[in-house]
């Protein structure tokens, strides 16, 4: 009799790895179709489907068979959001590069490094509370002063200072820590 739990522990040669195999075998075609409809790209859907199962395996939690699709959908939604955010960031960066004179354009290697840094910064900012993220972006992108940011966000000047310390500390830790 099959267990109502699907183990997502690390793959092993013994029979305990079979439930993960079953989860993959039973739900991968459905998940692939779900992702393909949302992304409109078969190749990207295939990559993200694989990433979903990697996350399940890395999670090392038991997954009840009746909850499998809900879990896979939740993980897939997060990956789709991350993919779309990264694609939008890449489009914006490429638009920026297209707008500058060719003589000032960075080398392809530098472009790749800058895009990777932008993606890392985007992930970092996504982890900040909304007001801290907004304060940081208003300061760094729009060039607003702390009093202007406080007025725009409807908070005190000391709150803006705290938000900025948190955001800058997170940036420093991500890039130098």
N, C-alpha and C. Protein backbone atom coordinates (compact mmCIF):
# COMPACT_ATOMS: atom_id res chain seq x y z
N UNK A 1 0.85 -1.18 0.00
CA UNK A 1 0.00 0.00 0.00
C UNK A 1 0.89 1.23 0.00
N UNK A 2 0.66 2.18 -0.93
CA UNK A 2 1.52 3.36 -0.98
C UNK A 2 1.28 4.26 0.22
N UNK A 3 2.33 4.89 0.63
CA UNK A 3 2.27 5.83 1.75
C UNK A 3 1.53 7.09 1.33
N UNK A 4 0.78 7.72 2.25
CA UNK A 4 0.13 8.98 1.92
C UNK A 4 1.11 10.13 1.87
N UNK A 5 2.37 9.85 2.20
CA UNK A 5 3.40 10.88 2.17
C UNK A 5 4.39 10.57 1.07
N UNK A 6 4.83 11.62 0.41
CA UNK A 6 5.87 11.49 -0.60
C UNK A 6 7.11 12.13 -0.02
N UNK A 7 8.11 11.34 0.24
CA UNK A 7 9.32 11.87 0.83
C UNK A 7 10.09 12.65 -0.22
N UNK A 8 10.59 13.82 0.17
CA UNK A 8 11.41 14.61 -0.75
C UNK A 8 12.83 14.68 -0.24
N UNK A 9 13.25 13.66 0.48
CA UNK A 9 14.62 13.65 0.97
C UNK A 9 15.57 13.43 -0.19
N UNK A 10 16.83 13.66 0.05
CA UNK A 10 17.83 13.54 -1.00
C UNK A 10 17.74 12.16 -1.64
N UNK A 11 17.95 12.07 -2.96
CA UNK A 11 17.84 10.80 -3.65
C UNK A 11 18.85 9.80 -3.10
N UNK A 12 18.37 8.56 -2.93
CA UNK A 12 19.23 7.48 -2.46
C UNK A 12 18.97 6.27 -3.33
N UNK A 13 19.84 5.32 -3.24
CA UNK A 13 19.71 4.12 -4.05
C UNK A 13 18.62 3.20 -3.54
N UNK A 14 18.17 3.36 -2.28
CA UNK A 14 17.16 2.45 -1.76
C UNK A 14 15.75 2.86 -2.18
N UNK A 15 14.77 2.14 -1.67
CA UNK A 15 13.39 2.36 -2.09
C UNK A 15 12.81 3.67 -1.59
N UNK A 16 13.45 4.34 -0.62
CA UNK A 16 12.88 5.58 -0.11
C UNK A 16 12.88 6.70 -1.15
N UNK A 17 13.65 6.55 -2.21
CA UNK A 17 13.67 7.55 -3.27
C UNK A 17 12.48 7.40 -4.21
N UNK A 18 11.82 6.27 -4.20
CA UNK A 18 10.70 6.02 -5.11
C UNK A 18 9.58 7.04 -4.98
N UNK A 19 9.19 7.48 -3.78
CA UNK A 19 8.11 8.47 -3.71
C UNK A 19 8.41 9.75 -4.47
N UNK A 20 9.66 10.22 -4.44
CA UNK A 20 10.02 11.41 -5.21
C UNK A 20 9.90 11.11 -6.70
N UNK A 21 10.34 9.92 -7.07
CA UNK A 21 10.18 9.52 -8.47
C UNK A 21 8.72 9.53 -8.86
N UNK A 22 7.87 9.02 -7.97
CA UNK A 22 6.44 8.99 -8.25
C UNK A 22 5.85 10.39 -8.36
N UNK A 23 6.27 11.27 -7.48
CA UNK A 23 5.81 12.66 -7.54
C UNK A 23 6.17 13.27 -8.88
N UNK A 24 7.39 13.04 -9.29
CA UNK A 24 7.86 13.57 -10.57
C UNK A 24 7.08 12.94 -11.72
N UNK A 25 6.98 11.65 -11.72
CA UNK A 25 6.32 10.93 -12.81
C UNK A 25 4.83 11.29 -12.90
N UNK A 26 4.18 11.42 -11.75
CA UNK A 26 2.74 11.68 -11.74
C UNK A 26 2.37 13.13 -12.03
N UNK A 27 3.24 14.06 -11.67
CA UNK A 27 2.85 15.48 -11.75
C UNK A 27 3.66 16.33 -12.73
N UNK A 28 4.78 15.83 -13.22
CA UNK A 28 5.59 16.62 -14.12
C UNK A 28 4.86 17.02 -15.41
N UNK A 29 4.14 16.11 -16.09
CA UNK A 29 3.45 16.52 -17.31
C UNK A 29 2.42 17.62 -17.05
N UNK A 30 1.67 17.48 -15.97
CA UNK A 30 0.68 18.51 -15.63
C UNK A 30 1.38 19.84 -15.33
N UNK A 31 2.46 19.81 -14.53
CA UNK A 31 3.18 21.02 -14.17
C UNK A 31 3.79 21.68 -15.40
N UNK A 32 4.37 20.89 -16.29
CA UNK A 32 4.94 21.42 -17.52
C UNK A 32 3.87 22.16 -18.33
N UNK A 33 2.69 21.57 -18.48
CA UNK A 33 1.61 22.22 -19.22
C UNK A 33 1.16 23.51 -18.54
N UNK A 34 1.07 23.48 -17.22
CA UNK A 34 0.68 24.66 -16.46
C UNK A 34 1.68 25.79 -16.69
N UNK A 35 2.96 25.47 -16.63
CA UNK A 35 4.00 26.48 -16.84
C UNK A 35 4.04 26.96 -18.29
N UNK A 36 3.88 26.05 -19.24
CA UNK A 36 3.91 26.43 -20.65
C UNK A 36 2.79 27.42 -20.97
N UNK A 37 1.60 27.20 -20.40
CA UNK A 37 0.48 28.13 -20.64
C UNK A 37 0.78 29.51 -20.07
N UNK A 38 1.45 29.58 -18.95
CA UNK A 38 1.73 30.87 -18.32
C UNK A 38 2.91 31.60 -18.95
N UNK A 39 3.87 30.83 -19.43
CA UNK A 39 5.09 31.44 -19.97
C UNK A 39 5.09 31.58 -21.48
N UNK A 40 4.32 30.75 -22.16
CA UNK A 40 4.29 30.80 -23.62
C UNK A 40 5.58 30.34 -24.26
N UNK A 41 6.40 29.63 -23.51
CA UNK A 41 7.69 29.17 -24.03
C UNK A 41 7.94 27.76 -23.49
N UNK A 42 8.01 26.82 -24.39
CA UNK A 42 8.21 25.42 -24.02
C UNK A 42 9.53 25.21 -23.30
N UNK A 43 10.60 25.83 -23.79
CA UNK A 43 11.92 25.63 -23.20
C UNK A 43 12.01 26.20 -21.78
N UNK A 44 11.48 27.40 -21.59
CA UNK A 44 11.50 28.01 -20.26
C UNK A 44 10.62 27.20 -19.31
N UNK A 45 9.47 26.70 -19.80
CA UNK A 45 8.59 25.86 -18.97
C UNK A 45 9.31 24.60 -18.52
N UNK A 46 10.06 24.01 -19.42
CA UNK A 46 10.82 22.80 -19.09
C UNK A 46 11.86 23.10 -18.00
N UNK A 47 12.58 24.21 -18.15
CA UNK A 47 13.58 24.59 -17.15
C UNK A 47 12.94 24.84 -15.78
N UNK A 48 11.83 25.58 -15.77
CA UNK A 48 11.20 25.90 -14.49
C UNK A 48 10.56 24.66 -13.86
N UNK A 49 10.03 23.75 -14.66
CA UNK A 49 9.49 22.51 -14.11
C UNK A 49 10.59 21.74 -13.38
N UNK A 50 11.76 21.67 -13.99
CA UNK A 50 12.89 21.00 -13.34
C UNK A 50 13.25 21.72 -12.05
N UNK A 51 13.27 23.06 -12.09
CA UNK A 51 13.61 23.84 -10.90
C UNK A 51 12.62 23.59 -9.77
N UNK A 52 11.34 23.42 -10.10
CA UNK A 52 10.33 23.15 -9.08
C UNK A 52 10.68 21.86 -8.34
N UNK A 53 10.99 20.80 -9.09
CA UNK A 53 11.29 19.53 -8.44
C UNK A 53 12.61 19.57 -7.68
N UNK A 54 13.56 20.34 -8.15
CA UNK A 54 14.80 20.52 -7.40
C UNK A 54 14.49 21.17 -6.06
N UNK A 55 13.62 22.15 -6.05
CA UNK A 55 13.25 22.82 -4.79
C UNK A 55 12.53 21.85 -3.85
N UNK A 56 11.68 21.00 -4.40
CA UNK A 56 10.99 20.01 -3.57
C UNK A 56 12.03 19.09 -2.93
N UNK A 57 12.96 18.61 -3.71
CA UNK A 57 13.98 17.70 -3.18
C UNK A 57 14.85 18.42 -2.14
N UNK A 58 15.21 19.66 -2.41
CA UNK A 58 16.05 20.41 -1.47
C UNK A 58 15.30 20.72 -0.19
N UNK A 59 13.96 20.81 -0.27
CA UNK A 59 13.17 21.12 0.91
C UNK A 59 13.21 20.03 1.97
N UNK A 60 13.47 18.80 1.56
CA UNK A 60 13.60 17.66 2.46
C UNK A 60 12.43 17.51 3.42
N UNK A 61 11.22 17.83 2.94
CA UNK A 61 10.02 17.67 3.74
C UNK A 61 9.15 16.60 3.12
N UNK A 62 8.37 15.95 3.96
CA UNK A 62 7.41 14.98 3.43
C UNK A 62 6.27 15.75 2.78
N UNK A 63 5.83 15.26 1.64
CA UNK A 63 4.75 15.90 0.91
C UNK A 63 3.60 14.91 0.84
N UNK A 64 2.46 15.30 1.39
CA UNK A 64 1.29 14.42 1.29
C UNK A 64 0.83 14.39 -0.15
N UNK A 65 0.48 13.21 -0.62
CA UNK A 65 0.08 13.03 -2.02
C UNK A 65 -1.08 13.96 -2.39
N UNK A 66 -2.01 14.16 -1.46
CA UNK A 66 -3.17 15.00 -1.77
C UNK A 66 -2.80 16.49 -1.83
N UNK A 67 -1.63 16.85 -1.30
CA UNK A 67 -1.18 18.24 -1.31
C UNK A 67 -0.14 18.52 -2.38
N UNK A 68 0.22 17.51 -3.17
CA UNK A 68 1.34 17.64 -4.10
C UNK A 68 1.12 18.76 -5.11
N UNK A 69 -0.05 18.81 -5.75
CA UNK A 69 -0.26 19.84 -6.77
C UNK A 69 -0.27 21.24 -6.17
N UNK A 70 -0.82 21.39 -5.00
CA UNK A 70 -0.83 22.71 -4.35
C UNK A 70 0.60 23.16 -4.06
N UNK A 71 1.43 22.25 -3.56
CA UNK A 71 2.82 22.59 -3.29
C UNK A 71 3.56 22.93 -4.58
N UNK A 72 3.41 22.10 -5.59
CA UNK A 72 4.09 22.34 -6.86
C UNK A 72 3.64 23.66 -7.48
N UNK A 73 2.35 23.96 -7.39
CA UNK A 73 1.83 25.22 -7.94
C UNK A 73 2.40 26.42 -7.19
N UNK A 74 2.48 26.32 -5.88
CA UNK A 74 3.03 27.43 -5.08
C UNK A 74 4.48 27.69 -5.45
N UNK A 75 5.26 26.64 -5.54
CA UNK A 75 6.67 26.80 -5.91
C UNK A 75 6.78 27.35 -7.33
N UNK A 76 5.98 26.81 -8.25
CA UNK A 76 6.03 27.25 -9.64
C UNK A 76 5.64 28.72 -9.78
N UNK A 77 4.63 29.16 -9.05
CA UNK A 77 4.22 30.57 -9.11
C UNK A 77 5.38 31.48 -8.71
N UNK A 78 6.07 31.12 -7.64
CA UNK A 78 7.21 31.91 -7.20
C UNK A 78 8.30 31.97 -8.25
N UNK A 79 8.56 30.83 -8.89
CA UNK A 79 9.58 30.81 -9.93
C UNK A 79 9.16 31.61 -11.16
N UNK A 80 7.88 31.59 -11.49
CA UNK A 80 7.38 32.39 -12.63
C UNK A 80 7.54 33.87 -12.32
N UNK A 81 7.21 34.27 -11.11
CA UNK A 81 7.38 35.68 -10.72
C UNK A 81 8.84 36.07 -10.81
N UNK A 82 9.73 35.23 -10.29
CA UNK A 82 11.17 35.51 -10.36
C UNK A 82 11.63 35.61 -11.82
N UNK A 83 11.15 34.70 -12.64
CA UNK A 83 11.53 34.71 -14.07
C UNK A 83 11.06 36.00 -14.74
N UNK A 84 9.83 36.39 -14.49
CA UNK A 84 9.31 37.62 -15.12
C UNK A 84 10.03 38.86 -14.63
N UNK A 85 10.34 38.89 -13.35
CA UNK A 85 11.08 40.03 -12.80
C UNK A 85 12.47 40.10 -13.43
N UNK A 86 13.13 38.97 -13.54
CA UNK A 86 14.46 38.95 -14.15
C UNK A 86 14.39 39.36 -15.62
N UNK A 87 13.39 38.88 -16.34
CA UNK A 87 13.24 39.24 -17.76
C UNK A 87 12.99 40.73 -17.92
N UNK A 88 12.17 41.31 -17.05
CA UNK A 88 11.91 42.75 -17.11
C UNK A 88 13.17 43.54 -16.80
N UNK A 89 13.92 43.09 -15.83
CA UNK A 89 15.19 43.74 -15.49
C UNK A 89 16.15 43.68 -16.66
N UNK A 90 16.24 42.52 -17.30
CA UNK A 90 17.14 42.35 -18.44
C UNK A 90 16.70 43.24 -19.61
N UNK A 91 15.40 43.33 -19.87
CA UNK A 91 14.91 44.21 -20.94
C UNK A 91 15.26 45.67 -20.65
N UNK A 92 15.07 46.09 -19.41
CA UNK A 92 15.39 47.48 -19.04
C UNK A 92 16.88 47.76 -19.20
N UNK A 93 17.70 46.80 -18.82
CA UNK A 93 19.15 46.98 -18.94
C UNK A 93 19.54 47.04 -20.42
N UNK A 94 18.97 46.18 -21.23
CA UNK A 94 19.28 46.20 -22.67
C UNK A 94 18.79 47.50 -23.32
N UNK A 95 17.66 48.02 -22.87
CA UNK A 95 17.17 49.31 -23.39
C UNK A 95 18.14 50.43 -23.00
N UNK A 96 18.65 50.36 -21.78
CA UNK A 96 19.64 51.34 -21.34
C UNK A 96 20.89 51.26 -22.22
N UNK A 97 21.37 50.05 -22.47
CA UNK A 97 22.57 49.88 -23.30
C UNK A 97 22.33 50.39 -24.72
N UNK A 98 21.14 50.18 -25.24
CA UNK A 98 20.83 50.64 -26.60
C UNK A 98 20.78 52.16 -26.67
N UNK A 99 20.52 52.80 -25.55
CA UNK A 99 20.38 54.26 -25.55
C UNK A 99 21.71 55.00 -25.39
N UNK A 100 22.75 54.29 -24.96
CA UNK A 100 24.03 54.98 -24.78
C UNK A 100 24.88 54.82 -26.04
N UNK A 101 25.76 55.79 -26.29
CA UNK A 101 26.63 55.66 -27.47
C UNK A 101 27.48 54.40 -27.39
N UNK A 102 27.71 53.78 -28.54
CA UNK A 102 28.44 52.52 -28.59
C UNK A 102 29.83 52.65 -27.97
N UNK A 103 30.44 53.80 -28.12
CA UNK A 103 31.78 54.01 -27.58
C UNK A 103 31.81 53.91 -26.05
N UNK A 104 30.67 54.16 -25.42
CA UNK A 104 30.60 54.12 -23.95
C UNK A 104 30.02 52.82 -23.42
N UNK A 105 29.61 51.95 -24.31
CA UNK A 105 29.01 50.68 -23.90
C UNK A 105 30.07 49.78 -23.26
N UNK A 106 29.70 49.11 -22.18
CA UNK A 106 30.65 48.19 -21.55
C UNK A 106 30.88 46.97 -22.43
N UNK A 107 31.97 46.28 -22.17
CA UNK A 107 32.28 45.06 -22.92
C UNK A 107 31.21 44.01 -22.64
N UNK A 108 31.10 43.00 -23.48
CA UNK A 108 30.12 41.94 -23.21
C UNK A 108 30.32 41.27 -21.85
N UNK A 109 31.57 41.11 -21.44
CA UNK A 109 31.85 40.52 -20.13
C UNK A 109 31.35 41.43 -19.01
N UNK A 110 31.62 42.73 -19.14
CA UNK A 110 31.15 43.69 -18.14
C UNK A 110 29.63 43.75 -18.13
N UNK A 111 29.00 43.66 -19.31
CA UNK A 111 27.54 43.65 -19.37
C UNK A 111 26.97 42.46 -18.60
N UNK A 112 27.56 41.30 -18.79
CA UNK A 112 27.10 40.10 -18.09
C UNK A 112 27.26 40.25 -16.58
N UNK A 113 28.39 40.79 -16.16
CA UNK A 113 28.62 41.01 -14.73
C UNK A 113 27.64 42.03 -14.16
N UNK A 114 27.40 43.11 -14.91
CA UNK A 114 26.47 44.13 -14.44
C UNK A 114 25.05 43.58 -14.35
N UNK A 115 24.64 42.79 -15.32
CA UNK A 115 23.31 42.20 -15.29
C UNK A 115 23.19 41.24 -14.11
N UNK A 116 24.22 40.47 -13.83
CA UNK A 116 24.20 39.57 -12.68
C UNK A 116 24.11 40.37 -11.38
N UNK A 117 24.84 41.46 -11.29
CA UNK A 117 24.78 42.31 -10.09
C UNK A 117 23.40 42.94 -9.94
N UNK A 118 22.82 43.38 -11.05
CA UNK A 118 21.47 43.94 -11.00
C UNK A 118 20.46 42.89 -10.53
N UNK A 119 20.58 41.67 -11.01
CA UNK A 119 19.67 40.60 -10.59
C UNK A 119 19.83 40.31 -9.10
N UNK A 120 21.07 40.31 -8.63
CA UNK A 120 21.33 40.08 -7.20
C UNK A 120 20.75 41.22 -6.37
N UNK A 121 20.94 42.44 -6.82
CA UNK A 121 20.38 43.60 -6.12
C UNK A 121 18.85 43.53 -6.11
N UNK A 122 18.27 43.12 -7.22
CA UNK A 122 16.81 42.99 -7.30
C UNK A 122 16.31 41.96 -6.28
N UNK A 123 16.98 40.81 -6.17
CA UNK A 123 16.59 39.80 -5.19
C UNK A 123 16.73 40.34 -3.77
N UNK A 124 17.81 41.08 -3.54
CA UNK A 124 18.04 41.65 -2.22
C UNK A 124 16.94 42.65 -1.87
N UNK A 125 16.61 43.54 -2.80
CA UNK A 125 15.58 44.54 -2.54
C UNK A 125 14.22 43.89 -2.34
N UNK A 126 13.97 42.79 -3.04
CA UNK A 126 12.71 42.09 -2.89
C UNK A 126 12.56 41.53 -1.48
N UNK A 127 13.68 41.28 -0.81
CA UNK A 127 13.64 40.76 0.54
C UNK A 127 13.45 41.83 1.61
N UNK A 128 13.50 43.09 1.23
CA UNK A 128 13.32 44.17 2.19
C UNK A 128 11.84 44.47 2.39
N UNK A 129 11.48 45.03 3.55
CA UNK A 129 10.10 45.49 3.73
C UNK A 129 9.78 46.57 2.68
N UNK A 130 8.53 46.68 2.27
CA UNK A 130 8.16 47.61 1.19
C UNK A 130 8.63 49.05 1.40
N UNK A 131 8.49 49.58 2.60
CA UNK A 131 8.88 50.98 2.82
C UNK A 131 10.40 51.15 2.76
N UNK A 132 11.14 50.18 3.25
CA UNK A 132 12.60 50.26 3.17
C UNK A 132 13.05 50.20 1.72
N UNK A 133 12.42 49.32 0.93
CA UNK A 133 12.74 49.21 -0.50
C UNK A 133 12.40 50.52 -1.21
N UNK A 134 11.22 51.06 -0.92
CA UNK A 134 10.82 52.32 -1.56
C UNK A 134 11.75 53.47 -1.20
N UNK A 135 12.12 53.56 0.07
CA UNK A 135 13.03 54.63 0.50
C UNK A 135 14.36 54.51 -0.22
N UNK A 136 14.89 53.30 -0.31
CA UNK A 136 16.17 53.09 -0.98
C UNK A 136 16.08 53.48 -2.46
N UNK A 137 15.03 53.03 -3.14
CA UNK A 137 14.89 53.34 -4.57
C UNK A 137 14.65 54.83 -4.80
N UNK A 138 13.86 55.47 -3.94
CA UNK A 138 13.64 56.91 -4.08
C UNK A 138 14.95 57.69 -3.89
N UNK A 139 15.78 57.22 -3.00
CA UNK A 139 17.06 57.86 -2.76
C UNK A 139 18.04 57.62 -3.90
N UNK A 140 18.20 56.36 -4.27
CA UNK A 140 19.24 56.00 -5.22
C UNK A 140 18.87 56.24 -6.67
N UNK A 141 17.62 56.04 -7.03
CA UNK A 141 17.21 56.21 -8.43
C UNK A 141 16.63 57.58 -8.73
N UNK A 142 15.82 58.09 -7.80
CA UNK A 142 15.18 59.38 -8.04
C UNK A 142 15.96 60.54 -7.45
N UNK A 143 16.96 60.24 -6.62
CA UNK A 143 17.80 61.29 -6.05
C UNK A 143 17.11 62.15 -5.01
N UNK A 144 16.05 61.63 -4.40
CA UNK A 144 15.34 62.41 -3.39
C UNK A 144 16.15 62.47 -2.09
N UNK A 145 15.98 63.56 -1.37
CA UNK A 145 16.62 63.70 -0.05
C UNK A 145 15.78 62.94 0.97
N UNK A 146 16.35 62.71 2.13
CA UNK A 146 15.61 61.99 3.17
C UNK A 146 14.33 62.71 3.57
N UNK A 147 14.35 64.06 3.74
CA UNK A 147 13.09 64.74 4.05
C UNK A 147 12.04 64.59 2.93
N UNK A 148 12.49 64.60 1.69
CA UNK A 148 11.55 64.40 0.57
C UNK A 148 10.97 62.99 0.59
N UNK A 149 11.81 62.02 0.92
CA UNK A 149 11.35 60.64 1.00
C UNK A 149 10.35 60.49 2.13
N UNK A 150 10.65 61.10 3.29
CA UNK A 150 9.74 61.03 4.44
C UNK A 150 8.37 61.59 4.06
N UNK A 151 8.37 62.71 3.36
CA UNK A 151 7.10 63.31 2.94
C UNK A 151 6.37 62.41 1.96
N UNK A 152 7.08 61.89 0.99
CA UNK A 152 6.46 61.03 -0.03
C UNK A 152 5.88 59.75 0.59
N UNK A 153 6.59 59.16 1.55
CA UNK A 153 6.13 57.90 2.16
C UNK A 153 5.20 58.12 3.35
N UNK A 154 5.11 59.36 3.80
CA UNK A 154 4.26 59.66 4.95
C UNK A 154 4.80 59.09 6.26
N UNK A 155 6.12 59.16 6.41
CA UNK A 155 6.77 58.65 7.63
C UNK A 155 7.70 59.73 8.17
N UNK A 156 8.26 59.47 9.34
CA UNK A 156 9.18 60.44 9.95
C UNK A 156 10.56 60.35 9.30
N UNK A 157 11.33 61.38 9.50
CA UNK A 157 12.70 61.41 8.98
C UNK A 157 13.53 60.29 9.61
N UNK A 158 13.33 60.04 10.91
CA UNK A 158 14.09 58.96 11.55
C UNK A 158 13.71 57.60 10.96
N UNK A 159 12.47 57.43 10.55
CA UNK A 159 12.08 56.16 9.91
C UNK A 159 12.81 55.99 8.58
N UNK A 160 12.91 57.07 7.81
CA UNK A 160 13.64 57.00 6.54
C UNK A 160 15.10 56.64 6.81
N UNK A 161 15.69 57.24 7.82
CA UNK A 161 17.08 56.92 8.15
C UNK A 161 17.22 55.45 8.52
N UNK A 162 16.28 54.92 9.29
CA UNK A 162 16.32 53.50 9.65
C UNK A 162 16.15 52.61 8.42
N UNK A 163 15.24 52.98 7.51
CA UNK A 163 15.04 52.22 6.28
C UNK A 163 16.32 52.19 5.45
N UNK A 164 16.97 53.34 5.35
CA UNK A 164 18.18 53.42 4.55
C UNK A 164 19.31 52.62 5.17
N UNK A 165 19.44 52.66 6.48
CA UNK A 165 20.47 51.86 7.15
C UNK A 165 20.22 50.39 6.86
N UNK A 166 18.97 49.97 6.96
CA UNK A 166 18.65 48.56 6.71
C UNK A 166 18.96 48.17 5.26
N UNK A 167 18.56 49.02 4.31
CA UNK A 167 18.78 48.71 2.89
C UNK A 167 20.27 48.72 2.54
N UNK A 168 20.98 49.72 2.99
CA UNK A 168 22.40 49.82 2.67
C UNK A 168 23.18 48.70 3.35
N UNK A 169 22.81 48.35 4.57
CA UNK A 169 23.45 47.23 5.26
C UNK A 169 23.22 45.93 4.51
N UNK A 170 22.02 45.73 4.00
CA UNK A 170 21.72 44.53 3.24
C UNK A 170 22.54 44.49 1.95
N UNK A 171 22.65 45.65 1.29
CA UNK A 171 23.46 45.71 0.06
C UNK A 171 24.91 45.39 0.37
N UNK A 172 25.42 45.98 1.42
CA UNK A 172 26.82 45.75 1.79
C UNK A 172 27.06 44.27 2.10
N UNK A 173 26.16 43.69 2.88
CA UNK A 173 26.30 42.27 3.23
C UNK A 173 26.24 41.39 1.99
N UNK A 174 25.37 41.72 1.06
CA UNK A 174 25.21 40.90 -0.14
C UNK A 174 26.44 40.98 -1.03
N UNK A 175 27.03 42.16 -1.15
CA UNK A 175 28.14 42.33 -2.08
C UNK A 175 29.51 42.15 -1.44
N UNK A 176 29.63 42.35 -0.13
CA UNK A 176 30.94 42.27 0.50
C UNK A 176 31.00 41.31 1.67
N UNK A 177 29.85 40.81 2.11
CA UNK A 177 29.80 39.97 3.31
C UNK A 177 30.06 38.60 3.08
